[in-house]
């Protein structure tokens, strides 16, 4: 198994499917998650190839983007088999991908270090300045409003409510983003998340100030 060649092929595979994405899950998101996953893998001496591979493929089975998560996972499994990826490595990558999503706070715990690293890398990209930009991008893609003071954030949601319920970009901060700091698996990711979390808090404070006209 030539790991460098598999990574190169995975890049092309993902670019083909997500290169034109406008939901905030585009190739550049994938590339940022990949870089962070590799960085964390080296820090924790995890399997860097497995982390990089799962990071590259993780959004191809995201329930927010795919009509059928199970069919998408089957497609990834077939692709991994065709590339000659070791069965154990392929199974591990698929477990990571299938357990990645926040799912409205209903996601499953990530059992392996490599999975924890890839999940942390993905969640870090939902925080900070880029996390803010992606939130508004995704809300626009979903046809949601920027803010509606009469629509309170949802504290608990079913998976269907998370995917299909009525929401706003601002509510997403309370429903998901502000929860991510405490859901990080690794200490290194948690340290990065702390700074990005504070930035989002400052942004939301300024947003509400301008919304209410309090800066006049």
C-alpha atoms as a PDB file:
ATOM      1  CA  UNK A   1       0.000   0.000   0.000  1.00  0.00           C
ATOM      2  CA  UNK A   2       1.631   3.234  -1.205  1.00  0.00           C
ATOM      3  CA  UNK A   3       0.319   5.712   1.325  1.00  0.00           C
ATOM      4  CA  UNK A   4       1.571   8.805  -0.513  1.00  0.00           C
ATOM      5  CA  UNK A   5      -0.203   7.734  -3.696  1.00  0.00           C
ATOM      6  CA  UNK A   6      -3.419   6.977  -1.797  1.00  0.00           C
ATOM      7  CA  UNK A   7      -3.371  10.454  -0.256  1.00  0.00           C
ATOM      8  CA  UNK A   8      -2.825  11.991  -3.690  1.00  0.00           C
ATOM      9  CA  UNK A   9      -5.758  10.026  -5.116  1.00  0.00           C
ATOM     10  CA  UNK A  10      -7.935  10.941  -2.130  1.00  0.00           C
ATOM     11  CA  UNK A  11      -7.240  14.624  -2.792  1.00  0.00           C
ATOM     12  CA  UNK A  12      -8.507  14.253  -6.356  1.00  0.00           C
ATOM     13  CA  UNK A  13     -11.502  12.197  -5.247  1.00  0.00           C
ATOM     14  CA  UNK A  14     -12.590  14.854  -2.742  1.00  0.00           C
ATOM     15  CA  UNK A  15     -11.862  17.828  -5.016  1.00  0.00           C
ATOM     16  CA  UNK A  16     -14.091  16.271  -7.673  1.00  0.00           C
ATOM     17  CA  UNK A  17     -17.027  16.055  -5.268  1.00  0.00           C
ATOM     18  CA  UNK A  18     -16.622  19.115  -3.049  1.00  0.00           C
ATOM     19  CA  UNK A  19     -14.610  21.498  -5.211  1.00  0.00           C
ATOM     20  CA  UNK A  20     -17.671  23.604  -6.082  1.00  0.00           C
ATOM     21  CA  UNK A  21     -19.339  23.385  -2.653  1.00  0.00           C
ATOM     22  CA  UNK A  22     -20.912  26.626  -1.393  1.00  0.00           C
ATOM     23  CA  UNK A  23     -22.072  25.418   2.042  1.00  0.00           C
ATOM     24  CA  UNK A  24     -18.756  25.961   3.817  1.00  0.00           C
ATOM     25  CA  UNK A  25     -17.709  22.329   3.357  1.00  0.00           C
ATOM     26  CA  UNK A  26     -15.545  23.018   0.316  1.00  0.00           C
ATOM     27  CA  UNK A  27     -12.052  21.821  -0.584  1.00  0.00           C
ATOM     28  CA  UNK A  28     -10.416  24.614   1.417  1.00  0.00           C
ATOM     29  CA  UNK A  29     -12.258  23.455   4.551  1.00  0.00           C
ATOM     30  CA  UNK A  30     -11.056  19.916   3.875  1.00  0.00           C
ATOM     31  CA  UNK A  31      -7.482  21.149   3.416  1.00  0.00           C
ATOM     32  CA  UNK A  32      -7.540  23.091   6.694  1.00  0.00           C
ATOM     33  CA  UNK A  33      -8.902  20.059   8.560  1.00  0.00           C
ATOM     34  CA  UNK A  34      -6.266  17.854   6.935  1.00  0.00           C
ATOM     35  CA  UNK A  35      -3.419  20.174   7.964  1.00  0.00           C
ATOM     36  CA  UNK A  36      -4.663  20.418  11.552  1.00  0.00           C
ATOM     37  CA  UNK A  37      -5.206  16.648  11.779  1.00  0.00           C
ATOM     38  CA  UNK A  38      -1.663  15.953  10.601  1.00  0.00           C
ATOM     39  CA  UNK A  39      -0.312  18.536  13.050  1.00  0.00           C
ATOM     40  CA  UNK A  40      -2.186  16.946  15.966  1.00  0.00           C
ATOM     41  CA  UNK A  41      -1.248  13.429  14.838  1.00  0.00           C
ATOM     42  CA  UNK A  42       2.439  14.307  14.954  1.00  0.00           C
ATOM     43  CA  UNK A  43       2.017  15.950  18.353  1.00  0.00           C
ATOM     44  CA  UNK A  44       0.361  12.853  19.817  1.00  0.00           C
ATOM     45  CA  UNK A  45       2.355  10.327  17.765  1.00  0.00           C
ATOM     46  CA  UNK A  46      -0.812   8.938  16.208  1.00  0.00           C
ATOM     47  CA  UNK A  47      -1.099   7.281  12.789  1.00  0.00           C
ATOM     48  CA  UNK A  48      -0.588  10.334  10.571  1.00  0.00           C
ATOM     49  CA  UNK A  49      -1.614   8.531   7.369  1.00  0.00           C
ATOM     50  CA  UNK A  50      -4.906   7.384   8.840  1.00  0.00           C
ATOM     51  CA  UNK A  51      -5.623  10.848  10.267  1.00  0.00           C
ATOM     52  CA  UNK A  52      -4.853  12.511   6.939  1.00  0.00           C
ATOM     53  CA  UNK A  53      -6.925  10.028   4.945  1.00  0.00           C
ATOM     54  CA  UNK A  54      -9.969  10.300   7.226  1.00  0.00           C
ATOM     55  CA  UNK A  55      -9.665  14.099   7.302  1.00  0.00           C
ATOM     56  CA  UNK A  56      -9.682  14.230   3.507  1.00  0.00           C
ATOM     57  CA  UNK A  57     -12.728  11.973   3.169  1.00  0.00           C
ATOM     58  CA  UNK A  58     -14.770  12.994   6.226  1.00  0.00           C
ATOM     59  CA  UNK A  59     -17.349  15.283   4.583  1.00  0.00           C
ATOM     60  CA  UNK A  60     -18.206  12.843   1.800  1.00  0.00           C
ATOM     61  CA  UNK A  61     -20.599  11.129   4.221  1.00  0.00           C
ATOM     62  CA  UNK A  62     -21.820  14.177   6.153  1.00  0.00           C
ATOM     63  CA  UNK A  63     -25.575  13.928   6.693  1.00  0.00           C
ATOM     64  CA  UNK A  64     -25.911  17.688   6.094  1.00  0.00           C
ATOM     65  CA  UNK A  65     -24.587  17.248   2.560  1.00  0.00           C
ATOM     66  CA  UNK A  66     -25.571  13.722   1.530  1.00  0.00           C
ATOM     67  CA  UNK A  67     -29.060  12.334   0.952  1.00  0.00           C
ATOM     68  CA  UNK A  68     -28.049   8.991   2.508  1.00  0.00           C
ATOM     69  CA  UNK A  69     -25.179   8.756   4.959  1.00  0.00           C
ATOM     70  CA  UNK A  70     -25.117   4.955   4.747  1.00  0.00           C
ATOM     71  CA  UNK A  71     -24.920   4.989   0.946  1.00  0.00           C
ATOM     72  CA  UNK A  72     -22.191   7.626   1.076  1.00  0.00           C
ATOM     73  CA  UNK A  73     -20.172   5.495   3.511  1.00  0.00           C
ATOM     74  CA  UNK A  74     -20.615   2.489   1.231  1.00  0.00           C
ATOM     75  CA  UNK A  75     -19.272   4.571  -1.653  1.00  0.00           C
ATOM     76  CA  UNK A  76     -16.223   5.565   0.378  1.00  0.00           C
ATOM     77  CA  UNK A  77     -15.671   1.938   1.367  1.00  0.00           C
ATOM     78  CA  UNK A  78     -15.756   0.890  -2.282  1.00  0.00           C
ATOM     79  CA  UNK A  79     -13.300   3.642  -3.210  1.00  0.00           C
ATOM     80  CA  UNK A  80     -10.884   2.617  -0.435  1.00  0.00           C
ATOM     81  CA  UNK A  81     -11.070  -0.999  -1.579  1.00  0.00           C
ATOM     82  CA  UNK A  82     -10.360  -0.028  -5.190  1.00  0.00           C
ATOM     83  CA  UNK A  83      -7.257   1.882  -4.082  1.00  0.00           C
ATOM     84  CA  UNK A  84      -5.930  -1.162  -2.273  1.00  0.00           C
ATOM     85  CA  UNK A  85      -6.126   0.368   1.184  1.00  0.00           C
ATOM     86  CA  UNK A  86      -5.437  -2.204   3.888  1.00  0.00           C
ATOM     87  CA  UNK A  87      -8.715  -3.616   5.224  1.00  0.00           C
ATOM     88  CA  UNK A  88      -7.963  -2.709   8.827  1.00  0.00           C
ATOM     89  CA  UNK A  89      -6.966   0.851   7.883  1.00  0.00           C
ATOM     90  CA  UNK A  90     -10.048   1.245   5.667  1.00  0.00           C
ATOM     91  CA  UNK A  91     -12.349  -0.008   8.429  1.00  0.00           C
ATOM     92  CA  UNK A  92     -10.741   2.375  10.911  1.00  0.00           C
ATOM     93  CA  UNK A  93     -11.103   5.332   8.526  1.00  0.00           C
ATOM     94  CA  UNK A  94     -14.779   4.477   7.938  1.00  0.00           C
ATOM     95  CA  UNK A  95     -15.438   4.293  11.687  1.00  0.00           C
ATOM     96  CA  UNK A  96     -13.913   7.743  12.089  1.00  0.00           C
ATOM     97  CA  UNK A  97     -15.932   9.214   9.222  1.00  0.00           C
ATOM     98  CA  UNK A  98     -19.161   7.654  10.443  1.00  0.00           C
ATOM     99  CA  UNK A  99     -18.698   9.030  13.969  1.00  0.00           C
ATOM    100  CA  UNK A 100     -17.469  12.537  13.073  1.00  0.00           C
ATOM    101  CA  UNK A 101     -20.636  14.569  13.019  1.00  0.00           C
ATOM    102  CA  UNK A 102     -21.980  16.732  15.861  1.00  0.00           C
ATOM    103  CA  UNK A 103     -25.530  15.614  14.939  1.00  0.00           C
ATOM    104  CA  UNK A 104     -27.173  18.267  17.062  1.00  0.00           C
ATOM    105  CA  UNK A 105     -25.215  17.170  20.103  1.00  0.00           C
ATOM    106  CA  UNK A 106     -26.352  13.575  19.670  1.00  0.00           C
ATOM    107  CA  UNK A 107     -23.127  12.253  18.176  1.00  0.00           C
ATOM    108  CA  UNK A 108     -21.338   9.169  19.513  1.00  0.00           C
ATOM    109  CA  UNK A 109     -18.040   9.240  21.435  1.00  0.00           C
ATOM    110  CA  UNK A 110     -14.973   8.785  19.228  1.00  0.00           C
ATOM    111  CA  UNK A 111     -13.208   5.573  20.340  1.00  0.00           C
ATOM    112  CA  UNK A 112      -9.715   5.901  18.805  1.00  0.00           C
ATOM    113  CA  UNK A 113      -6.970   8.517  19.177  1.00  0.00           C
ATOM    114  CA  UNK A 114      -6.902   9.013  15.412  1.00  0.00           C
ATOM    115  CA  UNK A 115     -10.659   9.579  15.388  1.00  0.00           C
ATOM    116  CA  UNK A 116     -10.419  12.034  18.256  1.00  0.00           C
ATOM    117  CA  UNK A 117      -7.741  13.961  16.384  1.00  0.00           C
ATOM    118  CA  UNK A 118      -9.702  14.193  13.125  1.00  0.00           C
ATOM    119  CA  UNK A 119     -12.865  15.168  14.994  1.00  0.00           C
ATOM    120  CA  UNK A 120     -10.977  17.878  16.876  1.00  0.00           C
ATOM    121  CA  UNK A 121      -9.486  19.205  13.636  1.00  0.00           C
ATOM    122  CA  UNK A 122     -12.935  19.400  12.054  1.00  0.00           C
ATOM    123  CA  UNK A 123     -14.482  21.073  15.094  1.00  0.00           C
ATOM    124  CA  UNK A 124     -11.676  23.629  15.289  1.00  0.00           C
ATOM    125  CA  UNK A 125     -12.565  24.753  11.766  1.00  0.00           C
ATOM    126  CA  UNK A 126     -16.066  25.555  13.045  1.00  0.00           C
ATOM    127  CA  UNK A 127     -14.589  28.045  15.536  1.00  0.00           C
ATOM    128  CA  UNK A 128     -12.923  31.448  15.350  1.00  0.00           C
ATOM    129  CA  UNK A 129     -12.989  33.817  12.387  1.00  0.00           C
ATOM    130  CA  UNK A 130     -13.336  31.068   9.814  1.00  0.00           C
ATOM    131  CA  UNK A 131     -16.004  29.366  11.898  1.00  0.00           C
ATOM    132  CA  UNK A 132     -18.004  32.609  11.889  1.00  0.00           C
ATOM    133  CA  UNK A 133     -17.630  32.963   8.127  1.00  0.00           C
ATOM    134  CA  UNK A 134     -18.636  29.350   7.547  1.00  0.00           C
ATOM    135  CA  UNK A 135     -21.685  29.732   9.794  1.00  0.00           C
ATOM    136  CA  UNK A 136     -23.107  32.568   7.727  1.00  0.00           C
ATOM    137  CA  UNK A 137     -22.155  30.795   4.508  1.00  0.00           C
ATOM    138  CA  UNK A 138     -23.963  27.615   5.584  1.00  0.00           C
ATOM    139  CA  UNK A 139     -27.030  29.529   6.777  1.00  0.00           C
ATOM    140  CA  UNK A 140     -27.292  31.309   3.441  1.00  0.00           C
ATOM    141  CA  UNK A 141     -26.902  27.992   1.637  1.00  0.00           C
ATOM    142  CA  UNK A 142     -29.751  26.576   3.771  1.00  0.00           C
ATOM    143  CA  UNK A 143     -31.945  29.613   3.134  1.00  0.00           C
ATOM    144  CA  UNK A 144     -31.935  30.604   6.799  1.00  0.00           C
ATOM    145  CA  UNK A 145     -32.131  34.109   8.222  1.00  0.00           C
ATOM    146  CA  UNK A 146     -29.112  35.838   9.717  1.00  0.00           C
ATOM    147  CA  UNK A 147     -30.953  36.630  12.974  1.00  0.00           C
ATOM    148  CA  UNK A 148     -34.507  36.595  14.285  1.00  0.00           C
ATOM    149  CA  UNK A 149     -34.925  37.830  17.877  1.00  0.00           C
ATOM    150  CA  UNK A 150     -38.318  36.089  18.069  1.00  0.00           C
ATOM    151  CA  UNK A 151     -36.786  32.683  17.312  1.00  0.00           C
ATOM    152  CA  UNK A 152     -34.882  31.486  20.409  1.00  0.00           C
ATOM    153  CA  UNK A 153     -31.996  29.027  20.184  1.00  0.00           C
ATOM    154  CA  UNK A 154     -32.878  25.385  20.705  1.00  0.00           C
ATOM    155  CA  UNK A 155     -31.242  23.825  23.748  1.00  0.00           C
ATOM    156  CA  UNK A 156     -31.834  20.198  22.772  1.00  0.00           C
ATOM    157  CA  UNK A 157     -32.603  18.835  19.330  1.00  0.00           C
ATOM    158  CA  UNK A 158     -33.302  15.548  17.638  1.00  0.00           C
ATOM    159  CA  UNK A 159     -31.144  14.775  14.632  1.00  0.00           C
ATOM    160  CA  UNK A 160     -34.040  15.662  12.315  1.00  0.00           C
ATOM    161  CA  UNK A 161     -34.545  18.992  14.073  1.00  0.00           C
ATOM    162  CA  UNK A 162     -30.825  19.724  13.806  1.00  0.00           C
ATOM    163  CA  UNK A 163     -30.751  18.985  10.082  1.00  0.00           C
ATOM    164  CA  UNK A 164     -34.149  20.297   9.018  1.00  0.00           C
ATOM    165  CA  UNK A 165     -35.556  22.508  11.766  1.00  0.00           C
ATOM    166  CA  UNK A 166     -35.915  26.258  11.488  1.00  0.00           C
ATOM    167  CA  UNK A 167     -32.807  28.113  12.629  1.00  0.00           C
ATOM    168  CA  UNK A 168     -30.678  31.203  12.113  1.00  0.00           C
ATOM    169  CA  UNK A 169     -26.979  31.892  11.794  1.00  0.00           C
ATOM    170  CA  UNK A 170     -26.872  33.597  15.194  1.00  0.00           C
ATOM    171  CA  UNK A 171     -28.752  30.767  16.905  1.00  0.00           C
ATOM    172  CA  UNK A 172     -26.143  28.347  15.549  1.00  0.00           C
ATOM    173  CA  UNK A 173     -23.571  29.943  17.843  1.00  0.00           C
ATOM    174  CA  UNK A 174     -25.626  28.908  20.871  1.00  0.00           C
ATOM    175  CA  UNK A 175     -26.879  25.604  19.485  1.00  0.00           C
ATOM    176  CA  UNK A 176     -23.469  24.280  18.445  1.00  0.00           C
ATOM    177  CA  UNK A 177     -20.427  26.540  18.223  1.00  0.00           C
ATOM    178  CA  UNK A 178     -20.209  27.649  21.841  1.00  0.00           C
ATOM    179  CA  UNK A 179     -20.476  23.999  22.931  1.00  0.00           C
ATOM    180  CA  UNK A 180     -17.506  22.785  20.903  1.00  0.00           C
ATOM    181  CA  UNK A 181     -14.760  24.094  23.197  1.00  0.00           C
ATOM    182  CA  UNK A 182     -15.820  21.677  25.932  1.00  0.00           C
ATOM    183  CA  UNK A 183     -16.223  18.787  23.482  1.00  0.00           C
ATOM    184  CA  UNK A 184     -12.608  18.734  22.284  1.00  0.00           C
ATOM    185  CA  UNK A 185     -10.931  15.378  22.765  1.00  0.00           C
ATOM    186  CA  UNK A 186      -7.310  16.501  23.095  1.00  0.00           C
ATOM    187  CA  UNK A 187      -5.649  19.110  25.289  1.00  0.00           C
ATOM    188  CA  UNK A 188      -3.832  20.635  22.316  1.00  0.00           C
ATOM    189  CA  UNK A 189      -7.078  21.207  20.429  1.00  0.00           C
ATOM    190  CA  UNK A 190      -8.742  22.521  23.577  1.00  0.00           C
ATOM    191  CA  UNK A 191      -6.073  25.224  23.918  1.00  0.00           C
ATOM    192  CA  UNK A 192      -6.641  26.361  20.329  1.00  0.00           C
ATOM    193  CA  UNK A 193     -10.401  26.223  20.841  1.00  0.00           C
ATOM    194  CA  UNK A 194     -10.218  28.512  23.884  1.00  0.00           C
ATOM    195  CA  UNK A 195      -8.794  31.387  21.839  1.00  0.00           C
ATOM    196  CA  UNK A 196     -11.182  30.894  18.949  1.00  0.00           C
ATOM    197  CA  UNK A 197     -14.111  30.644  21.362  1.00  0.00           C
ATOM    198  CA  UNK A 198     -13.221  34.006  22.907  1.00  0.00           C
ATOM    199  CA  UNK A 199     -13.049  35.593  19.469  1.00  0.00           C
ATOM    200  CA  UNK A 200     -16.557  34.354  18.677  1.00  0.00           C
ATOM    201  CA  UNK A 201     -17.876  35.732  21.956  1.00  0.00           C
ATOM    202  CA  UNK A 202     -16.446  39.162  21.117  1.00  0.00           C
ATOM    203  CA  UNK A 203     -17.957  38.977  17.638  1.00  0.00           C
ATOM    204  CA  UNK A 204     -21.402  38.108  18.969  1.00  0.00           C
ATOM    205  CA  UNK A 205     -21.235  40.903  21.530  1.00  0.00           C
ATOM    206  CA  UNK A 206     -20.440  43.398  18.770  1.00  0.00           C
ATOM    207  CA  UNK A 207     -23.115  41.943  16.519  1.00  0.00           C
ATOM    208  CA  UNK A 208     -25.811  42.360  19.171  1.00  0.00           C
ATOM    209  CA  UNK A 209     -24.602  45.851  19.966  1.00  0.00           C
ATOM    210  CA  UNK A 210     -24.931  46.895  16.335  1.00  0.00           C
ATOM    211  CA  UNK A 211     -28.235  45.010  15.925  1.00  0.00           C
ATOM    212  CA  UNK A 212     -29.817  46.939  18.781  1.00  0.00           C
ATOM    213  CA  UNK A 213     -28.295  50.264  17.768  1.00  0.00           C
ATOM    214  CA  UNK A 214     -26.366  50.404  21.025  1.00  0.00           C
ATOM    215  CA  UNK A 215     -23.288  51.867  19.326  1.00  0.00           C
ATOM    216  CA  UNK A 216     -25.130  55.067  18.304  1.00  0.00           C
END
